């Protein structure tokens, strides 16, 4: 018999995740800092030693815990605001919503219903007249839900609600020499990336657009996470970028690498150095010496330890987001970070 996953089973799984994390956190709190979790012939093993192998699994679990709490908090805030308003008129919350919101939503016009039908015509595959009544009801319900959301948003503004719940944070360092934008910006995006990765190239215009929109508030720090098994030229490209940085052209060379991912072998790297008028002899000597390999490996290990399992991976003031996401996703993360900074300042 096939297994059917219901809403109940999903909630049970969420509860199990929260319970597991809570027990782990309680265990961490009860254990003194830096107490070993195992020893081998007297040599200690610490929690931090596990991070490279488990961080990529723990990060999404912690994010899921946050999302569950966030949704519950949003619902509770709305409920408390609604109860306060209903109490002023000595009516139940259901009655209050009916009077103040639902009753003020107009029935959809025939034109709105038909436009609603046309937008879904291919999926519905039935004549309009057969579905008119059903579609009108669905559209009215959608309008009521939107009106309620707008009403809750207005209540929040009037009550000056400040949400202090924060997503899980990861402390991630960065190299001040590889920061694009204001190094003292309120929001620092730390990117772990791979010069041969097509998704990393895809997200570049988005990052530039975000920085252009927030020139003083947002900056970008770049760290290397070359996935050598998938992208064999990524590591030497990372080395080359740092050699270009020695001559003050790190970001120009960074952009050239993503613009010319078909030229990441050594001749191609030298060609790009020449196009930027770098001292070719100095650049070639730097690249041949492999002097930055250790630093690049440190970037890689730091990324893995922080929970990055693929590229590109980003930490927006410590909050992890992954992949070549649309600009709206970065904007939301930035606004959340700015709000958190503002709330923190206000609270202090």
Protein backbone atom coordinates (compact mmCIF):
# COMPACT_ATOMS: atom_id res chain seq x y z
CA UNK A 1 0.00 0.00 0.00
CA UNK A 2 1.47 3.44 -0.90
CA UNK A 3 2.27 5.79 1.93
CA UNK A 4 0.07 8.91 1.95
CA UNK A 5 1.62 11.98 3.53
CA UNK A 6 -1.08 14.10 5.10
CA UNK A 7 -0.99 17.49 6.77
CA UNK A 8 -0.92 15.66 10.11
CA UNK A 9 2.16 13.64 9.16
CA UNK A 10 3.89 16.81 8.01
CA UNK A 11 3.17 18.47 11.34
CA UNK A 12 4.41 15.38 13.16
CA UNK A 13 7.66 15.48 11.20
CA UNK A 14 8.05 19.18 12.03
CA UNK A 15 7.48 18.42 15.70
CA UNK A 16 10.08 15.66 15.54
CA UNK A 17 12.60 18.04 13.98
CA UNK A 18 11.96 20.66 16.66
CA UNK A 19 12.18 18.07 19.42
CA UNK A 20 15.48 16.74 18.10
CA UNK A 21 16.99 20.20 17.82
CA UNK A 22 15.72 21.20 21.26
CA UNK A 23 17.30 18.12 22.86
CA UNK A 24 20.57 18.83 21.06
CA UNK A 25 20.52 22.45 22.19
CA UNK A 26 19.72 21.45 25.77
CA UNK A 27 22.60 18.99 25.68
CA UNK A 28 24.94 21.67 24.36
CA UNK A 29 23.87 24.08 27.12
CA UNK A 30 24.43 21.52 29.85
CA UNK A 31 27.91 20.64 28.59
CA UNK A 32 30.70 23.03 29.62
CA UNK A 33 32.37 24.92 26.77
CA UNK A 34 35.01 22.90 24.98
CA UNK A 35 34.30 19.72 26.91
CA UNK A 36 35.26 16.70 24.77
CA UNK A 37 32.46 14.53 23.37
CA UNK A 38 34.85 11.58 22.96
CA UNK A 39 38.48 10.64 23.45
CA UNK A 40 40.80 8.30 21.55
CA UNK A 41 43.85 7.20 23.49
CA UNK A 42 43.46 10.31 25.59
CA UNK A 43 43.11 12.61 22.57
CA UNK A 44 39.88 14.64 22.73
CA UNK A 45 37.24 15.05 20.04
CA UNK A 46 35.09 18.20 20.27
CA UNK A 47 31.75 19.30 18.84
CA UNK A 48 33.55 21.59 16.40
CA UNK A 49 35.35 18.59 14.93
CA UNK A 50 32.01 17.27 13.68
CA UNK A 51 31.05 20.40 11.79
CA UNK A 52 32.76 19.66 8.46
CA UNK A 53 30.77 16.43 8.11
CA UNK A 54 27.39 17.50 9.53
CA UNK A 55 27.10 21.25 8.97
CA UNK A 56 25.45 20.86 5.56
CA UNK A 57 22.70 18.75 7.20
CA UNK A 58 22.30 20.84 10.34
CA UNK A 59 21.98 24.16 8.50
CA UNK A 60 18.69 23.30 6.70
CA UNK A 61 17.29 21.76 9.90
CA UNK A 62 17.96 24.93 11.85
CA UNK A 63 16.43 26.97 9.05
CA UNK A 64 13.34 24.75 9.10
CA UNK A 65 13.04 25.24 12.85
CA UNK A 66 13.18 29.01 12.35
CA UNK A 67 10.55 28.96 9.58
CA UNK A 68 8.16 26.96 11.79
CA UNK A 69 8.63 29.37 14.68
CA UNK A 70 8.32 32.40 12.39
CA UNK A 71 4.99 31.24 10.97
CA UNK A 72 3.66 30.46 14.43
CA UNK A 73 4.77 33.89 15.66
CA UNK A 74 3.15 35.69 12.71
CA UNK A 75 -0.14 33.90 13.39
CA UNK A 76 0.03 34.68 17.12
CA UNK A 77 0.72 38.37 16.53
CA UNK A 78 -2.24 38.63 14.16
CA UNK A 79 -4.48 36.81 16.64
CA UNK A 80 -3.51 39.06 19.58
CA UNK A 81 -4.01 42.24 17.53
CA UNK A 82 -7.38 40.97 16.38
CA UNK A 83 -8.46 40.07 19.91
CA UNK A 84 -7.52 43.55 21.16
CA UNK A 85 -9.60 45.24 18.45
CA UNK A 86 -12.58 42.92 18.94
CA UNK A 87 -12.51 43.55 22.67
CA UNK A 88 -12.93 47.30 22.07
CA UNK A 89 -16.29 46.59 20.40
CA UNK A 90 -17.27 43.78 22.77
CA UNK A 91 -17.66 41.22 19.99
CA UNK A 92 -16.00 37.93 19.14
CA UNK A 93 -13.03 37.91 16.79
CA UNK A 94 -15.05 36.09 14.12
CA UNK A 95 -17.83 38.66 14.33
CA UNK A 96 -15.34 41.51 14.26
CA UNK A 97 -13.66 40.19 11.09
CA UNK A 98 -17.04 39.71 9.46
CA UNK A 99 -18.13 43.28 10.23
CA UNK A 100 -14.87 45.14 9.66
CA UNK A 101 -13.37 43.22 6.74
CA UNK A 102 -15.44 40.52 5.06
CA UNK A 103 -18.64 42.58 4.74
CA UNK A 104 -16.73 45.38 3.00
CA UNK A 105 -15.41 43.14 0.21
CA UNK A 106 -17.50 43.55 -2.94
CA UNK A 107 -18.67 40.55 -4.93
CA UNK A 108 -16.59 39.95 -8.08
CA UNK A 109 -18.05 41.38 -11.26
CA UNK A 110 -18.79 39.14 -14.23
CA UNK A 111 -15.80 40.67 -15.99
CA UNK A 112 -13.47 39.80 -13.10
CA UNK A 113 -14.80 36.24 -13.00
CA UNK A 114 -14.31 35.80 -16.74
CA UNK A 115 -10.76 37.19 -16.57
CA UNK A 116 -10.12 34.77 -13.70
CA UNK A 117 -11.41 31.95 -15.92
CA UNK A 118 -9.23 32.96 -18.88
CA UNK A 119 -6.11 32.94 -16.71
CA UNK A 120 -6.76 29.27 -15.87
CA UNK A 121 -8.58 28.14 -18.99
CA UNK A 122 -5.98 25.61 -20.10
CA UNK A 123 -5.96 23.88 -16.72
CA UNK A 124 -9.73 23.95 -16.22
CA UNK A 125 -10.60 22.51 -19.65
CA UNK A 126 -14.33 23.17 -19.15
CA UNK A 127 -16.73 25.83 -20.52
CA UNK A 128 -17.04 29.08 -18.59
CA UNK A 129 -20.78 28.72 -17.99
CA UNK A 130 -20.22 25.36 -16.25
CA UNK A 131 -17.77 26.92 -13.80
CA UNK A 132 -19.04 30.48 -13.39
CA UNK A 133 -20.64 30.02 -9.96
CA UNK A 134 -17.69 28.04 -8.59
CA UNK A 135 -15.18 30.54 -9.93
CA UNK A 136 -17.12 33.45 -8.47
CA UNK A 137 -17.04 31.83 -5.03
CA UNK A 138 -13.31 31.11 -5.29
CA UNK A 139 -12.54 34.64 -6.40
CA UNK A 140 -14.61 36.13 -3.58
CA UNK A 141 -12.74 33.97 -1.04
CA UNK A 142 -9.41 35.11 -2.50
CA UNK A 143 -10.46 38.77 -2.23
CA UNK A 144 -11.57 38.25 1.38
CA UNK A 145 -8.24 36.63 2.28
CA UNK A 146 -6.32 39.50 0.69
CA UNK A 147 -8.48 42.03 2.53
CA UNK A 148 -7.76 40.25 5.83
CA UNK A 149 -4.02 40.29 5.15
CA UNK A 150 -4.19 44.00 4.39
CA UNK A 151 -6.19 44.56 7.58
CA UNK A 152 -3.64 42.69 9.70
CA UNK A 153 -0.83 44.70 8.10
CA UNK A 154 -2.64 47.92 9.01
CA UNK A 155 -3.13 46.77 12.60
CA UNK A 156 0.60 46.05 12.83
CA UNK A 157 1.47 49.53 11.67
CA UNK A 158 -0.88 51.11 14.18
CA UNK A 159 0.53 48.97 17.01
CA UNK A 160 4.19 49.39 16.01
CA UNK A 161 4.88 45.67 16.07
CA UNK A 162 8.59 44.74 16.12
CA UNK A 163 9.47 41.11 15.38
CA UNK A 164 12.66 40.24 17.26
CA UNK A 165 12.82 36.54 16.34
CA UNK A 166 15.99 36.06 14.30
CA UNK A 167 16.93 33.35 11.81
CA UNK A 168 19.85 31.09 12.74
CA UNK A 169 23.16 32.89 12.31
CA UNK A 170 26.57 31.55 11.35
CA UNK A 171 29.67 33.57 12.16
CA UNK A 172 31.55 33.77 8.86
CA UNK A 173 34.71 35.80 8.49
CA UNK A 174 35.87 37.45 5.27
CA UNK A 175 38.94 39.00 3.69
CA UNK A 176 38.80 42.83 3.73
CA UNK A 177 40.90 42.82 0.54
CA UNK A 178 38.05 41.11 -1.32
CA UNK A 179 35.09 43.33 -0.43
CA UNK A 180 33.05 45.09 -3.08
CA UNK A 181 31.18 48.13 -1.80
CA UNK A 182 31.25 49.96 1.52
CA UNK A 183 33.38 47.86 3.94
CA UNK A 184 31.45 49.42 6.85
CA UNK A 185 28.04 48.61 5.39
CA UNK A 186 25.25 47.54 7.74
CA UNK A 187 24.70 44.39 5.67
CA UNK A 188 27.61 42.21 4.58
CA UNK A 189 26.93 39.44 2.08
CA UNK A 190 29.65 36.79 2.25
CA UNK A 191 29.63 34.70 -0.91
CA UNK A 192 31.27 31.29 -1.28
CA UNK A 193 31.71 30.76 -4.99
CA UNK A 194 33.44 28.86 -7.79
CA UNK A 195 34.72 30.62 -10.92
CA UNK A 196 33.80 27.67 -13.17
CA UNK A 197 30.29 27.23 -11.73
CA UNK A 198 27.54 28.27 -14.20
CA UNK A 199 25.12 29.16 -11.38
CA UNK A 200 27.74 31.43 -9.81
CA UNK A 201 28.05 33.23 -13.13
CA UNK A 202 24.27 33.43 -13.43
CA UNK A 203 23.87 35.25 -10.11
CA UNK A 204 26.54 37.89 -10.81
CA UNK A 205 24.20 40.45 -12.45
CA UNK A 206 21.80 40.06 -9.53
CA UNK A 207 24.53 40.79 -6.99
CA UNK A 208 25.69 43.86 -8.91
CA UNK A 209 22.12 45.14 -9.09
CA UNK A 210 21.61 44.67 -5.35
CA UNK A 211 24.83 46.54 -4.56
CA UNK A 212 23.87 49.36 -6.93
CA UNK A 213 20.51 49.76 -5.16
CA UNK A 214 22.11 49.85 -1.70
CA UNK A 215 25.50 51.55 -2.21
CA UNK A 216 25.99 52.51 1.44
CA UNK A 217 24.05 49.79 3.23
CA UNK A 218 25.20 46.59 1.51
CA UNK A 219 28.61 45.17 0.61
CA UNK A 220 29.79 41.86 -0.86
CA UNK A 221 32.73 39.77 0.33
CA UNK A 222 33.98 36.99 -1.93
CA UNK A 223 35.42 33.69 -0.71
CA UNK A 224 36.60 30.74 -2.78
CA UNK A 225 34.92 27.36 -2.72
CA UNK A 226 36.28 25.57 -5.81
CA UNK A 227 34.46 22.27 -6.39
CA UNK A 228 37.42 20.57 -8.07
CA UNK A 229 35.69 17.29 -8.82
CA UNK A 230 33.06 19.11 -10.87
CA UNK A 231 35.13 22.08 -12.02
CA UNK A 232 38.80 21.13 -12.46
CA UNK A 233 39.86 24.66 -13.48
CA UNK A 234 38.14 26.44 -10.57
CA UNK A 235 41.10 26.30 -8.19
CA UNK A 236 43.69 27.74 -10.57
CA UNK A 237 41.18 30.45 -11.51
CA UNK A 238 40.86 31.31 -7.82
CA UNK A 239 44.65 31.49 -7.53
CA UNK A 240 44.79 33.75 -10.58
CA UNK A 241 42.21 36.13 -9.07
CA UNK A 242 44.40 36.58 -6.02
CA UNK A 243 47.47 37.16 -8.16
CA UNK A 244 45.52 39.89 -9.94
CA UNK A 245 44.66 41.28 -6.51
CA UNK A 246 48.37 41.77 -5.83
CA UNK A 247 48.32 44.34 -8.64
CA UNK A 248 45.13 46.05 -7.44
CA UNK A 249 42.84 44.45 -10.02
CA UNK A 250 41.05 41.77 -8.00
CA UNK A 251 37.47 42.70 -8.87
CA UNK A 252 38.26 43.49 -12.50
CA UNK A 253 39.83 40.06 -12.87
CA UNK A 254 36.98 38.43 -10.90
CA UNK A 255 34.49 39.87 -13.40
CA UNK A 256 36.63 38.79 -16.35
CA UNK A 257 36.75 35.20 -15.08
CA UNK A 258 32.97 34.94 -14.89
CA UNK A 259 32.60 36.63 -18.27
CA UNK A 260 35.04 34.14 -19.88
CA UNK A 261 34.44 30.77 -18.25
CA UNK A 262 35.73 29.08 -21.40
CA UNK A 263 39.20 30.58 -20.74
CA UNK A 264 40.12 29.23 -17.32
CA UNK A 265 43.16 27.19 -18.34
CA UNK A 266 46.56 28.80 -17.78
CA UNK A 267 46.87 30.33 -21.28
CA UNK A 268 43.40 31.81 -20.89
CA UNK A 269 44.21 33.18 -17.46
CA UNK A 270 47.35 34.83 -18.81
CA UNK A 271 45.34 36.27 -21.70
CA UNK A 272 42.89 37.88 -19.31
CA UNK A 273 45.79 39.28 -17.27
CA UNK A 274 47.15 40.91 -20.43
CA UNK A 275 43.72 42.35 -21.29
CA UNK A 276 43.71 44.11 -17.90
CA UNK A 277 47.27 45.38 -18.50
CA UNK A 278 48.71 43.50 -15.54
CA UNK A 279 52.46 42.94 -15.26
CA UNK A 280 52.50 39.59 -17.04
CA UNK A 281 55.83 38.43 -15.65
CA UNK A 282 54.77 39.13 -12.06
CA UNK A 283 51.36 37.52 -12.64
CA UNK A 284 52.84 34.39 -14.22
CA UNK A 285 55.38 34.04 -11.41
CA UNK A 286 52.64 34.36 -8.81
CA UNK A 287 50.42 31.82 -10.54
CA UNK A 288 53.23 29.30 -11.04
CA UNK A 289 54.24 29.51 -7.38
CA UNK A 290 50.79 28.31 -6.18
CA UNK A 291 51.34 30.63 -3.22
CA UNK A 292 47.61 31.05 -2.54
CA UNK A 293 46.61 27.38 -2.54
CA UNK A 294 46.64 27.14 1.25
CA UNK A 295 44.47 30.23 1.64
CA UNK A 296 42.00 28.95 -0.95
CA UNK A 297 41.81 25.63 0.88
CA UNK A 298 41.10 27.55 4.09
CA UNK A 299 38.21 29.33 2.36
CA UNK A 300 36.91 25.95 1.21
CA UNK A 301 37.09 24.43 4.68
CA UNK A 302 35.45 27.47 6.27
CA UNK A 303 32.61 27.23 3.77
CA UNK A 304 32.06 23.54 4.47
CA UNK A 305 32.22 24.15 8.20
CA UNK A 306 29.57 26.88 7.85
CA UNK A 307 27.23 24.48 6.05
CA UNK A 308 27.81 25.35 2.38
CA UNK A 309 27.48 22.17 0.33
CA UNK A 310 27.21 23.73 -3.15
CA UNK A 311 27.89 26.97 -4.94
CA UNK A 312 26.96 29.72 -4.81
CA UNK A 313 26.24 29.98 -1.08
CA UNK A 314 25.63 33.27 0.73
CA UNK A 315 25.56 34.53 4.31
CA UNK A 316 23.61 37.79 4.66
CA UNK A 317 24.76 39.09 8.05
CA UNK A 318 25.19 35.45 8.98
CA UNK A 319 21.86 34.18 7.60
CA UNK A 320 22.39 31.44 5.02
CA UNK A 321 20.73 31.47 1.60
CA UNK A 322 21.75 29.16 -1.21
CA UNK A 323 21.79 29.16 -4.99
CA UNK A 324 21.36 31.55 -7.90
CA UNK A 325 18.24 33.06 -6.37
CA UNK A 326 16.18 35.88 -7.92
CA UNK A 327 16.84 39.44 -6.84
CA UNK A 328 13.67 39.48 -4.74
CA UNK A 329 15.12 36.78 -2.47
CA UNK A 330 18.25 38.84 -1.84
CA UNK A 331 16.16 41.97 -1.27
CA UNK A 332 14.07 40.15 1.34
CA UNK A 333 17.19 38.89 3.13
CA UNK A 334 18.68 42.40 3.06
CA UNK A 335 15.51 44.02 4.40
CA UNK A 336 15.32 41.40 7.16
CA UNK A 337 18.93 42.16 8.10
CA UNK A 338 18.33 45.92 8.07
CA UNK A 339 15.20 45.51 10.21
CA UNK A 340 17.06 43.28 12.65
CA UNK A 341 19.83 45.87 12.95
CA UNK A 342 17.28 48.65 13.51
CA UNK A 343 15.36 46.63 16.11
CA UNK A 344 18.57 45.75 17.90
CA UNK A 345 19.56 49.42 18.05
CA UNK A 346 16.10 50.38 19.32
CA UNK A 347 16.12 47.65 21.97
CA UNK A 348 19.50 48.81 23.25
